[in-house]
Amino acid sequence: MRERLQKLIARAGIASRRAAEKMIADGQVTVNGKVVKQLGSKADPAEDHIKVRGKLINPKLDQQVATYILLNKPKGYLSSVSDPENRPLVTDLVPEKYGRLFPVGRLDFKTEGLIILTNDGNFANKVSSTRTIPKLYEVKVKGIPPESAIDALGKGITLEDGFRTSPCEIKPLRSAKKNAWFEIVLYEGHNQQIRKMFDAINFSAVKLRRTGIGRVRIGTLAPGAHRKLSEAEIKELMTFRKRVE
């Protein structure tokens, strides 16, 4: 069956669909020996020889078993499959038996918590690009922000880099003399958004942990540990239609 090349590349676990589109546009993909740069071009892996950067991907399409891993990312790991600075990677924390996996979205180097690793590019594209799937975080803030400042964050605020945040759900969890914890639900993923949000009201986020995506929760999973997503969790993330109340 003929399918779009970017979909085949994603299904082979080479890259997400968006990254695959860039590979095609950059001339890194060939079909039967001919470079294909036209997005939307199709091929049939049963009949055509498809190569990415000179390597045949047909065997990957024949043998691949879709894998979905939930990892409790510890602080000090990079959400990537490679790093020129040789820093620890989230992919180092899962067994090699799962094959080549890549993270769905990103958590910054200092942030902990739930991240999904997969070889299913279509799943990764769906979960990371949609603005309907909520992401749940817990954040520890140095100092006690006034209620007016927290209300402003909930309504949306302009960050120092010029990005205007959408309204979010934010509520206090607990506080002490020198710090406070908040729960935040975001539907977008601007780079280091939560840290920058608190910077904008002159408070620092000193600890940040993602605890949920959609209705999937990290639960009691220890830092550095992982588990497979259930079939129900995979289906729900792929078909998520509305926000959690």
Foldseek 3Di string as FASTA:
>chain_A
DKDWPLQLCLQLLNAASVVSLVQLCVQQKDKQRHTHNDGPDIDDLVPIFIDGNRHTSSVSNVDPDKFKKKAFAAAFEWQFPDDPVPTHHLVVLDDCVNPDWHWQDTDHNGATEIIMIISRNHLSCLQNVFLFKKWKKKWKKFADDDPVLVVDVQCWDQFPVGDIAHHWDKDWDDADHTITMMMIIGSHDDPVVVQRSQVVSVMGGPYMYTADIRPDGPPPADHSDMDTDDPVRSVCSNPPDHHDD
